[in-house]
Amino acid sequence: MGTNRIELDDEAYDLLKAERRDDESFSDAVKRIIAEVTSDWRHSIGTYEGDIDEFVNAAQRSREATSYGLARRQEEANKLFEELSDINESREDDTES
């Protein structure tokens, strides 16, 4: 197999060097990292071997927690918006007087 030269800036080199394992060449590290990043998630569909009811319940709890968190943040944003609106109205009243 032939070789090719590539140029990396110092930051990219340092990142690659930090990811490289002691027993790996830089080429091996690049191949491993690319394989990890590009692994196709669709190959693992249908391979879950755990309790499906437990999985469904965990997914439902996660959805509920996310919904609760989103609703709470929306309420906080609405309160802040109301406070800002009140402040703006108060300032407008002060400038009209």
PDB file of N, CA and C in Angstrom:
ATOM      1  N   MET A   1       0.849  -1.171   0.000  1.00  0.00           N
ATOM      2  CA  MET A   1       0.000   0.000   0.000  1.00  0.00           C
ATOM      3  C   MET A   1       0.894   1.233   0.000  1.00  0.00           C
ATOM      4  N   GLY A   2       0.549   2.209  -0.820  1.00  0.00           N
ATOM      5  CA  GLY A   2       1.326   3.440  -0.919  1.00  0.00           C
ATOM      6  C   GLY A   2       1.057   4.366   0.254  1.00  0.00           C
ATOM      7  N   THR A   3       1.734   5.470   0.238  1.00  0.00           N
ATOM      8  CA  THR A   3       1.543   6.472   1.284  1.00  0.00           C
ATOM      9  C   THR A   3       1.307   7.830   0.641  1.00  0.00           C
ATOM     10  N   ASN A   4       0.674   8.700   1.373  1.00  0.00           N
ATOM     11  CA  ASN A   4       0.442  10.080   0.964  1.00  0.00           C
ATOM     12  C   ASN A   4       0.772  10.988   2.133  1.00  0.00           C
ATOM     13  N   ARG A   5       1.208  12.165   1.816  1.00  0.00           N
ATOM     14  CA  ARG A   5       1.485  13.153   2.861  1.00  0.00           C
ATOM     15  C   ARG A   5       0.290  14.080   2.982  1.00  0.00           C
ATOM     16  N   ILE A   6      -0.039  14.415   4.209  1.00  0.00           N
ATOM     17  CA  ILE A   6      -1.050  15.438   4.449  1.00  0.00           C
ATOM     18  C   ILE A   6      -0.451  16.453   5.405  1.00  0.00           C
ATOM     19  N   GLU A   7      -0.984  17.638   5.377  1.00  0.00           N
ATOM     20  CA  GLU A   7      -0.493  18.688   6.259  1.00  0.00           C
ATOM     21  C   GLU A   7      -1.576  19.003   7.278  1.00  0.00           C
ATOM     22  N   LEU A   8      -1.196  19.060   8.533  1.00  0.00           N
ATOM     23  CA  LEU A   8      -2.108  19.403   9.616  1.00  0.00           C
ATOM     24  C   LEU A   8      -1.577  20.644  10.314  1.00  0.00           C
ATOM     25  N   ASP A   9      -2.491  21.512  10.731  1.00  0.00           N
ATOM     26  CA  ASP A   9      -2.015  22.619  11.556  1.00  0.00           C
ATOM     27  C   ASP A   9      -1.694  22.069  12.942  1.00  0.00           C
ATOM     28  N   ASP A  10      -1.055  22.867  13.756  1.00  0.00           N
ATOM     29  CA  ASP A  10      -0.597  22.392  15.067  1.00  0.00           C
ATOM     30  C   ASP A  10      -1.739  21.886  15.935  1.00  0.00           C
ATOM     31  N   GLU A  11      -2.875  22.580  15.896  1.00  0.00           N
ATOM     32  CA  GLU A  11      -4.014  22.166  16.717  1.00  0.00           C
ATOM     33  C   GLU A  11      -4.513  20.787  16.294  1.00  0.00           C
ATOM     34  N   ALA A  12      -4.675  20.582  14.981  1.00  0.00           N
ATOM     35  CA  ALA A  12      -5.152  19.287  14.485  1.00  0.00           C
ATOM     36  C   ALA A  12      -4.156  18.182  14.831  1.00  0.00           C
ATOM     37  N   TYR A  13      -2.879  18.470  14.688  1.00  0.00           N
ATOM     38  CA  TYR A  13      -1.848  17.484  15.015  1.00  0.00           C
ATOM     39  C   TYR A  13      -1.925  17.108  16.489  1.00  0.00           C
ATOM     40  N   ASP A  14      -2.045  18.119  17.357  1.00  0.00           N
ATOM     41  CA  ASP A  14      -2.119  17.842  18.800  1.00  0.00           C
ATOM     42  C   ASP A  14      -3.348  17.023  19.154  1.00  0.00           C
ATOM     43  N   LEU A  15      -4.481  17.333  18.500  1.00  0.00           N
ATOM     44  CA  LEU A  15      -5.701  16.556  18.751  1.00  0.00           C
ATOM     45  C   LEU A  15      -5.536  15.111  18.311  1.00  0.00           C
ATOM     46  N   LEU A  16      -4.965  14.904  17.140  1.00  0.00           N
ATOM     47  CA  LEU A  16      -4.749  13.550  16.635  1.00  0.00           C
ATOM     48  C   LEU A  16      -3.755  12.799  17.516  1.00  0.00           C
ATOM     49  N   LYS A  17      -2.708  13.482  17.911  1.00  0.00           N
ATOM     50  CA  LYS A  17      -1.696  12.851  18.762  1.00  0.00           C
ATOM     51  C   LYS A  17      -2.304  12.433  20.101  1.00  0.00           C
ATOM     52  N   ALA A  18      -3.186  13.264  20.646  1.00  0.00           N
ATOM     53  CA  ALA A  18      -3.829  12.939  21.923  1.00  0.00           C
ATOM     54  C   ALA A  18      -4.759  11.732  21.796  1.00  0.00           C
ATOM     55  N   GLU A  19      -5.369  11.547  20.626  1.00  0.00           N
ATOM     56  CA  GLU A  19      -6.277  10.424  20.401  1.00  0.00           C
ATOM     57  C   GLU A  19      -5.546   9.130  20.047  1.00  0.00           C
ATOM     58  N   ARG A  20      -4.334   9.268  19.576  1.00  0.00           N
ATOM     59  CA  ARG A  20      -3.573   8.099  19.130  1.00  0.00           C
ATOM     60  C   ARG A  20      -3.176   7.244  20.332  1.00  0.00           C
ATOM     61  N   ARG A  21      -3.390   5.955  20.202  1.00  0.00           N
ATOM     62  CA  ARG A  21      -2.999   5.020  21.266  1.00  0.00           C
ATOM     63  C   ARG A  21      -1.514   4.725  21.154  1.00  0.00           C
ATOM     64  N   ASP A  22      -0.925   4.249  22.249  1.00  0.00           N
ATOM     65  CA  ASP A  22       0.520   4.005  22.284  1.00  0.00           C
ATOM     66  C   ASP A  22       0.982   3.042  21.199  1.00  0.00           C
ATOM     67  N   ASP A  23       0.145   2.059  20.871  1.00  0.00           N
ATOM     68  CA  ASP A  23       0.545   1.040  19.903  1.00  0.00           C
ATOM     69  C   ASP A  23       0.077   1.349  18.484  1.00  0.00           C
ATOM     70  N   GLU A  24      -0.400   2.587  18.234  1.00  0.00           N
ATOM     71  CA  GLU A  24      -0.942   2.939  16.926  1.00  0.00           C
ATOM     72  C   GLU A  24      -0.026   3.893  16.166  1.00  0.00           C
ATOM     73  N   SER A  25      -0.010   3.702  14.874  1.00  0.00           N
ATOM     74  CA  SER A  25       0.601   4.712  14.013  1.00  0.00           C
ATOM     75  C   SER A  25      -0.452   5.812  13.830  1.00  0.00           C
ATOM     76  N   PHE A  26      -0.056   6.944  13.280  1.00  0.00           N
ATOM     77  CA  PHE A  26      -1.032   7.987  12.997  1.00  0.00           C
ATOM     78  C   PHE A  26      -2.058   7.496  11.992  1.00  0.00           C
ATOM     79  N   SER A  27      -1.626   6.717  11.001  1.00  0.00           N
ATOM     80  CA  SER A  27      -2.556   6.162  10.017  1.00  0.00           C
ATOM     81  C   SER A  27      -3.595   5.275  10.688  1.00  0.00           C
ATOM     82  N   ASP A  28      -3.144   4.422  11.601  1.00  0.00           N
ATOM     83  CA  ASP A  28      -4.070   3.541  12.314  1.00  0.00           C
ATOM     84  C   ASP A  28      -5.057   4.348  13.157  1.00  0.00           C
ATOM     85  N   ALA A  29      -4.561   5.408  13.784  1.00  0.00           N
ATOM     86  CA  ALA A  29      -5.433   6.251  14.606  1.00  0.00           C
ATOM     87  C   ALA A  29      -6.507   6.914  13.748  1.00  0.00           C
ATOM     88  N   VAL A  30      -6.119   7.434  12.592  1.00  0.00           N
ATOM     89  CA  VAL A  30      -7.084   8.071  11.696  1.00  0.00           C
ATOM     90  C   VAL A  30      -8.132   7.055  11.266  1.00  0.00           C
ATOM     91  N   LYS A  31      -7.720   5.865  10.873  1.00  0.00           N
ATOM     92  CA  LYS A  31      -8.666   4.833  10.441  1.00  0.00           C
ATOM     93  C   LYS A  31      -9.630   4.459  11.562  1.00  0.00           C
ATOM     94  N   ARG A  32      -9.105   4.309  12.775  1.00  0.00           N
ATOM     95  CA  ARG A  32      -9.952   3.938  13.909  1.00  0.00           C
ATOM     96  C   ARG A  32     -10.959   5.038  14.209  1.00  0.00           C
ATOM     97  N   ILE A  33     -10.501   6.275  14.239  1.00  0.00           N
ATOM     98  CA  ILE A  33     -11.384   7.395  14.558  1.00  0.00           C
ATOM     99  C   ILE A  33     -12.454   7.554  13.482  1.00  0.00           C
ATOM    100  N   ILE A  34     -12.071   7.440  12.228  1.00  0.00           N
ATOM    101  CA  ILE A  34     -13.038   7.550  11.133  1.00  0.00           C
ATOM    102  C   ILE A  34     -14.069   6.424  11.229  1.00  0.00           C
ATOM    103  N   ALA A  35     -13.619   5.227  11.538  1.00  0.00           N
ATOM    104  CA  ALA A  35     -14.547   4.094  11.668  1.00  0.00           C
ATOM    105  C   ALA A  35     -15.541   4.342  12.798  1.00  0.00           C
ATOM    106  N   GLU A  36     -15.076   4.926  13.905  1.00  0.00           N
ATOM    107  CA  GLU A  36     -15.966   5.205  15.034  1.00  0.00           C
ATOM    108  C   GLU A  36     -16.985   6.275  14.673  1.00  0.00           C
ATOM    109  N   VAL A  37     -16.544   7.275  13.962  1.00  0.00           N
ATOM    110  CA  VAL A  37     -17.417   8.394  13.620  1.00  0.00           C
ATOM    111  C   VAL A  37     -18.420   8.018  12.546  1.00  0.00           C
ATOM    112  N   THR A  38     -18.021   7.196  11.611  1.00  0.00           N
ATOM    113  CA  THR A  38     -18.894   6.885  10.478  1.00  0.00           C
ATOM    114  C   THR A  38     -19.645   5.577  10.630  1.00  0.00           C
ATOM    115  N   SER A  39     -19.554   4.946  11.777  1.00  0.00           N
ATOM    116  CA  SER A  39     -20.281   3.682  11.919  1.00  0.00           C
ATOM    117  C   SER A  39     -21.773   3.953  11.725  1.00  0.00           C
ATOM    118  N   ASP A  40     -22.403   3.114  10.979  1.00  0.00           N
ATOM    119  CA  ASP A  40     -23.795   3.303  10.593  1.00  0.00           C
ATOM    120  C   ASP A  40     -24.703   2.765  11.688  1.00  0.00           C
ATOM    121  N   TRP A  41     -25.462   3.651  12.308  1.00  0.00           N
ATOM    122  CA  TRP A  41     -26.339   3.267  13.404  1.00  0.00           C
ATOM    123  C   TRP A  41     -27.419   2.297  12.943  1.00  0.00           C
ATOM    124  N   ARG A  42     -27.720   2.285  11.656  1.00  0.00           N
ATOM    125  CA  ARG A  42     -28.780   1.414  11.164  1.00  0.00           C
ATOM    126  C   ARG A  42     -28.409  -0.058  11.249  1.00  0.00           C
ATOM    127  N   HIS A  43     -27.116  -0.360  11.337  1.00  0.00           N
ATOM    128  CA  HIS A  43     -26.701  -1.764  11.448  1.00  0.00           C
ATOM    129  C   HIS A  43     -27.092  -2.366  12.789  1.00  0.00           C
ATOM    130  N   SER A  44     -27.341  -1.538  13.780  1.00  0.00           N
ATOM    131  CA  SER A  44     -27.663  -2.078  15.098  1.00  0.00           C
ATOM    132  C   SER A  44     -29.162  -2.102  15.380  1.00  0.00           C
ATOM    133  N   ILE A  45     -29.979  -1.674  14.428  1.00  0.00           N
ATOM    134  CA  ILE A  45     -31.422  -1.725  14.625  1.00  0.00           C
ATOM    135  C   ILE A  45     -31.867  -3.181  14.722  1.00  0.00           C
ATOM    136  N   GLY A  46     -32.699  -3.435  15.697  1.00  0.00           N
ATOM    137  CA  GLY A  46     -33.237  -4.777  15.866  1.00  0.00           C
ATOM    138  C   GLY A  46     -32.345  -5.707  16.660  1.00  0.00           C
ATOM    139  N   THR A  47     -31.280  -5.173  17.254  1.00  0.00           N
ATOM    140  CA  THR A  47     -30.370  -6.047  17.995  1.00  0.00           C
ATOM    141  C   THR A  47     -30.532  -5.922  19.504  1.00  0.00           C
ATOM    142  N   TYR A  48     -31.514  -5.136  19.960  1.00  0.00           N
ATOM    143  CA  TYR A  48     -31.716  -4.977  21.397  1.00  0.00           C
ATOM    144  C   TYR A  48     -32.192  -6.296  21.989  1.00  0.00           C
ATOM    145  N   GLU A  49     -31.489  -6.765  23.000  1.00  0.00           N
ATOM    146  CA  GLU A  49     -31.823  -8.059  23.581  1.00  0.00           C
ATOM    147  C   GLU A  49     -32.337  -7.962  25.006  1.00  0.00           C
ATOM    148  N   GLY A  50     -32.560  -6.738  25.478  1.00  0.00           N
ATOM    149  CA  GLY A  50     -33.047  -6.537  26.840  1.00  0.00           C
ATOM    150  C   GLY A  50     -34.550  -6.677  26.923  1.00  0.00           C
ATOM    151  N   ASP A  51     -35.070  -6.353  28.087  1.00  0.00           N
ATOM    152  CA  ASP A  51     -36.506  -6.395  28.341  1.00  0.00           C
ATOM    153  C   ASP A  51     -37.166  -5.234  27.594  1.00  0.00           C
ATOM    154  N   ILE A  52     -38.002  -5.533  26.618  1.00  0.00           N
ATOM    155  CA  ILE A  52     -38.606  -4.497  25.784  1.00  0.00           C
ATOM    156  C   ILE A  52     -39.514  -3.591  26.599  1.00  0.00           C
ATOM    157  N   ASP A  53     -40.223  -4.129  27.585  1.00  0.00           N
ATOM    158  CA  ASP A  53     -41.091  -3.294  28.417  1.00  0.00           C
ATOM    159  C   ASP A  53     -40.261  -2.283  29.210  1.00  0.00           C
ATOM    160  N   GLU A  54     -39.121  -2.728  29.708  1.00  0.00           N
ATOM    161  CA  GLU A  54     -38.229  -1.831  30.440  1.00  0.00           C
ATOM    162  C   GLU A  54     -37.718  -0.728  29.510  1.00  0.00           C
ATOM    163  N   PHE A  55     -37.392  -1.097  28.300  1.00  0.00           N
ATOM    164  CA  PHE A  55     -36.920  -0.136  27.309  1.00  0.00           C
ATOM    165  C   PHE A  55     -38.009   0.893  26.994  1.00  0.00           C
ATOM    166  N   VAL A  56     -39.231   0.426  26.765  1.00  0.00           N
ATOM    167  CA  VAL A  56     -40.346   1.318  26.451  1.00  0.00           C
ATOM    168  C   VAL A  56     -40.624   2.249  27.626  1.00  0.00           C
ATOM    169  N   ASN A  57     -40.594   1.721  28.836  1.00  0.00           N
ATOM    170  CA  ASN A  57     -40.825   2.546  30.024  1.00  0.00           C
ATOM    171  C   ASN A  57     -39.733   3.600  30.188  1.00  0.00           C
ATOM    172  N   ALA A  58     -38.497   3.209  29.939  1.00  0.00           N
ATOM    173  CA  ALA A  58     -37.391   4.169  30.036  1.00  0.00           C
ATOM    174  C   ALA A  58     -37.548   5.275  28.999  1.00  0.00           C
ATOM    175  N   ALA A  59     -37.961   4.907  27.801  1.00  0.00           N
ATOM    176  CA  ALA A  59     -38.181   5.906  26.747  1.00  0.00           C
ATOM    177  C   ALA A  59     -39.314   6.851  27.136  1.00  0.00           C
ATOM    178  N   GLN A  60     -40.370   6.303  27.698  1.00  0.00           N
ATOM    179  CA  GLN A  60     -41.508   7.128  28.132  1.00  0.00           C
ATOM    180  C   GLN A  60     -41.087   8.085  29.253  1.00  0.00           C
ATOM    181  N   ARG A  61     -40.340   7.586  30.229  1.00  0.00           N
ATOM    182  CA  ARG A  61     -39.865   8.454  31.321  1.00  0.00           C
ATOM    183  C   ARG A  61     -38.978   9.565  30.774  1.00  0.00           C
ATOM    184  N   SER A  62     -38.147   9.223  29.807  1.00  0.00           N
ATOM    185  CA  SER A  62     -37.272  10.218  29.209  1.00  0.00           C
ATOM    186  C   SER A  62     -38.085  11.294  28.489  1.00  0.00           C
ATOM    187  N   ARG A  63     -39.110  10.875  27.743  1.00  0.00           N
ATOM    188  CA  ARG A  63     -39.971  11.838  27.049  1.00  0.00           C
ATOM    189  C   ARG A  63     -40.682  12.748  28.045  1.00  0.00           C
ATOM    190  N   GLU A  64     -41.190  12.156  29.130  1.00  0.00           N
ATOM    191  CA  GLU A  64     -41.897  12.943  30.138  1.00  0.00           C
ATOM    192  C   GLU A  64     -40.965  13.944  30.816  1.00  0.00           C
ATOM    193  N   ALA A  65     -39.757  13.503  31.129  1.00  0.00           N
ATOM    194  CA  ALA A  65     -38.789  14.402  31.758  1.00  0.00           C
ATOM    195  C   ALA A  65     -38.414  15.535  30.813  1.00  0.00           C
ATOM    196  N   THR A  66     -38.251  15.210  29.551  1.00  0.00           N
ATOM    197  CA  THR A  66     -37.928  16.242  28.567  1.00  0.00           C
ATOM    198  C   THR A  66     -39.085  17.220  28.427  1.00  0.00           C
ATOM    199  N   SER A  67     -40.301  16.703  28.341  1.00  0.00           N
ATOM    200  CA  SER A  67     -41.476  17.568  28.225  1.00  0.00           C
ATOM    201  C   SER A  67     -41.605  18.474  29.439  1.00  0.00           C
ATOM    202  N   TYR A  68     -41.406  17.907  30.627  1.00  0.00           N
ATOM    203  CA  TYR A  68     -41.483  18.705  31.856  1.00  0.00           C
ATOM    204  C   TYR A  68     -40.431  19.808  31.828  1.00  0.00           C
ATOM    205  N   GLY A  69     -39.217  19.446  31.452  1.00  0.00           N
ATOM    206  CA  GLY A  69     -38.140  20.430  31.414  1.00  0.00           C
ATOM    207  C   GLY A  69     -38.415  21.528  30.405  1.00  0.00           C
ATOM    208  N   LEU A  70     -38.923  21.153  29.238  1.00  0.00           N
ATOM    209  CA  LEU A  70     -39.249  22.156  28.224  1.00  0.00           C
ATOM    210  C   LEU A  70     -40.377  23.063  28.695  1.00  0.00           C
ATOM    211  N   ALA A  71     -41.394  22.481  29.304  1.00  0.00           N
ATOM    212  CA  ALA A  71     -42.525  23.277  29.794  1.00  0.00           C
ATOM    213  C   ALA A  71     -42.067  24.242  30.883  1.00  0.00           C
ATOM    214  N   ARG A  72     -41.213  23.775  31.779  1.00  0.00           N
ATOM    215  CA  ARG A  72     -40.702  24.625  32.861  1.00  0.00           C
ATOM    216  C   ARG A  72     -39.898  25.790  32.297  1.00  0.00           C
ATOM    217  N   ARG A  73     -39.046  25.515  31.328  1.00  0.00           N
ATOM    218  CA  ARG A  73     -38.250  26.588  30.727  1.00  0.00           C
ATOM    219  C   ARG A  73     -39.132  27.571  29.967  1.00  0.00           C
ATOM    220  N   GLN A  74     -40.191  27.069  29.327  1.00  0.00           N
ATOM    221  CA  GLN A  74     -41.117  27.950  28.635  1.00  0.00           C
ATOM    222  C   GLN A  74     -41.822  28.860  29.623  1.00  0.00           C
ATOM    223  N   GLU A  75     -42.240  28.311  30.757  1.00  0.00           N
ATOM    224  CA  GLU A  75     -42.887  29.125  31.792  1.00  0.00           C
ATOM    225  C   GLU A  75     -41.933  30.200  32.306  1.00  0.00           C
ATOM    226  N   GLU A  76     -40.681  29.837  32.539  1.00  0.00           N
ATOM    227  CA  GLU A  76     -39.691  30.805  33.000  1.00  0.00           C
ATOM    228  C   GLU A  76     -39.489  31.905  31.963  1.00  0.00           C
ATOM    229  N   ALA A  77     -39.435  31.523  30.701  1.00  0.00           N
ATOM    230  CA  ALA A  77     -39.263  32.512  29.630  1.00  0.00           C
ATOM    231  C   ALA A  77     -40.470  33.435  29.558  1.00  0.00           C
ATOM    232  N   ASN A  78     -41.666  32.882  29.711  1.00  0.00           N
ATOM    233  CA  ASN A  78     -42.875  33.709  29.695  1.00  0.00           C
ATOM    234  C   ASN A  78     -42.883  34.710  30.850  1.00  0.00           C
ATOM    235  N   LYS A  79     -42.470  34.263  32.036  1.00  0.00           N
ATOM    236  CA  LYS A  79     -42.411  35.167  33.189  1.00  0.00           C
ATOM    237  C   LYS A  79     -41.417  36.296  32.940  1.00  0.00           C
ATOM    238  N   LEU A  80     -40.255  35.953  32.406  1.00  0.00           N
ATOM    239  CA  LEU A  80     -39.259  36.982  32.099  1.00  0.00           C
ATOM    240  C   LEU A  80     -39.784  37.958  31.056  1.00  0.00           C
ATOM    241  N   PHE A  81     -40.472  37.446  30.049  1.00  0.00           N
ATOM    242  CA  PHE A  81     -41.032  38.302  29.017  1.00  0.00           C
ATOM    243  C   PHE A  81     -42.060  39.256  29.625  1.00  0.00           C
ATOM    244  N   GLU A  82     -42.910  38.741  30.519  1.00  0.00           N
ATOM    245  CA  GLU A  82     -43.901  39.594  31.182  1.00  0.00           C
ATOM    246  C   GLU A  82     -43.222  40.665  32.021  1.00  0.00           C
ATOM    247  N   GLU A  83     -42.168  40.278  32.747  1.00  0.00           N
ATOM    248  CA  GLU A  83     -41.438  41.252  33.560  1.00  0.00           C
ATOM    249  C   GLU A  83     -40.824  42.344  32.681  1.00  0.00           C
ATOM    250  N   LEU A  84     -40.229  41.946  31.570  1.00  0.00           N
ATOM    251  CA  LEU A  84     -39.642  42.923  30.657  1.00  0.00           C
ATOM    252  C   LEU A  84     -40.707  43.821  30.056  1.00  0.00           C
ATOM    253  N   SER A  85     -41.849  43.234  29.732  1.00  0.00           N
ATOM    254  CA  SER A  85     -42.947  44.041  29.191  1.00  0.00           C
ATOM    255  C   SER A  85     -43.413  45.065  30.219  1.00  0.00           C
ATOM    256  N   ASP A  86     -43.534  44.637  31.483  1.00  0.00           N
ATOM    257  CA  ASP A  86     -43.935  45.550  32.553  1.00  0.00           C
ATOM    258  C   ASP A  86     -42.918  46.676  32.720  1.00  0.00           C
ATOM    259  N   ILE A  87     -41.640  46.349  32.645  1.00  0.00           N
ATOM    260  CA  ILE A  87     -40.586  47.352  32.777  1.00  0.00           C
ATOM    261  C   ILE A  87     -40.678  48.345  31.626  1.00  0.00           C
ATOM    262  N   ASN A  88     -40.865  47.853  30.420  1.00  0.00           N
ATOM    263  CA  ASN A  88     -40.977  48.733  29.253  1.00  0.00           C
ATOM    264  C   ASN A  88     -42.200  49.637  29.356  1.00  0.00           C
ATOM    265  N   GLU A  89     -43.328  49.076  29.808  1.00  0.00           N
ATOM    266  CA  GLU A  89     -44.534  49.885  29.973  1.00  0.00           C
ATOM    267  C   GLU A  89     -44.312  50.960  31.019  1.00  0.00           C
ATOM    268  N   SER A  90     -43.622  50.597  32.105  1.00  0.00           N
ATOM    269  CA  SER A  90     -43.337  51.563  33.168  1.00  0.00           C
ATOM    270  C   SER A  90     -42.450  52.684  32.649  1.00  0.00           C
ATOM    271  N   ARG A  91     -41.467  52.342  31.855  1.00  0.00           N
ATOM    272  CA  ARG A  91     -40.578  53.361  31.288  1.00  0.00           C
ATOM    273  C   ARG A  91     -41.338  54.267  30.333  1.00  0.00           C
ATOM    274  N   GLU A  92     -42.221  53.672  29.524  1.00  0.00           N
ATOM    275  CA  GLU A  92     -43.015  54.477  28.599  1.00  0.00           C
ATOM    276  C   GLU A  92     -43.916  55.441  29.355  1.00  0.00           C
ATOM    277  N   ASP A  93     -44.505  54.968  30.465  1.00  0.00           N
ATOM    278  CA  ASP A  93     -45.355  55.822  31.295  1.00  0.00           C
ATOM    279  C   ASP A  93     -44.553  56.969  31.883  1.00  0.00           C
ATOM    280  N   ASP A  94     -43.291  56.663  32.317  1.00  0.00           N
ATOM    281  CA  ASP A  94     -42.446  57.697  32.906  1.00  0.00           C
ATOM    282  C   ASP A  94     -42.075  58.763  31.889  1.00  0.00           C
ATOM    283  N   THR A  95     -41.829  58.353  30.653  1.00  0.00           N
ATOM    284  CA  THR A  95     -41.423  59.323  29.634  1.00  0.00           C
ATOM    285  C   THR A  95     -42.601  60.148  29.143  1.00  0.00           C
ATOM    286  N   GLU A  96     -43.835  59.623  29.268  1.00  0.00           N
ATOM    287  CA  GLU A  96     -45.016  60.350  28.860  1.00  0.00           C
ATOM    288  C   GLU A  96     -45.407  61.402  29.899  1.00  0.00           C
ATOM    289  N   SER A  97     -44.982  61.225  31.137  1.00  0.00           N
ATOM    290  CA  SER A  97     -45.388  62.141  32.212  1.00  0.00           C
ATOM    291  C   SER A  97     -44.649  63.443  32.155  1.00  0.00           C
TER     292      SER A  97
END
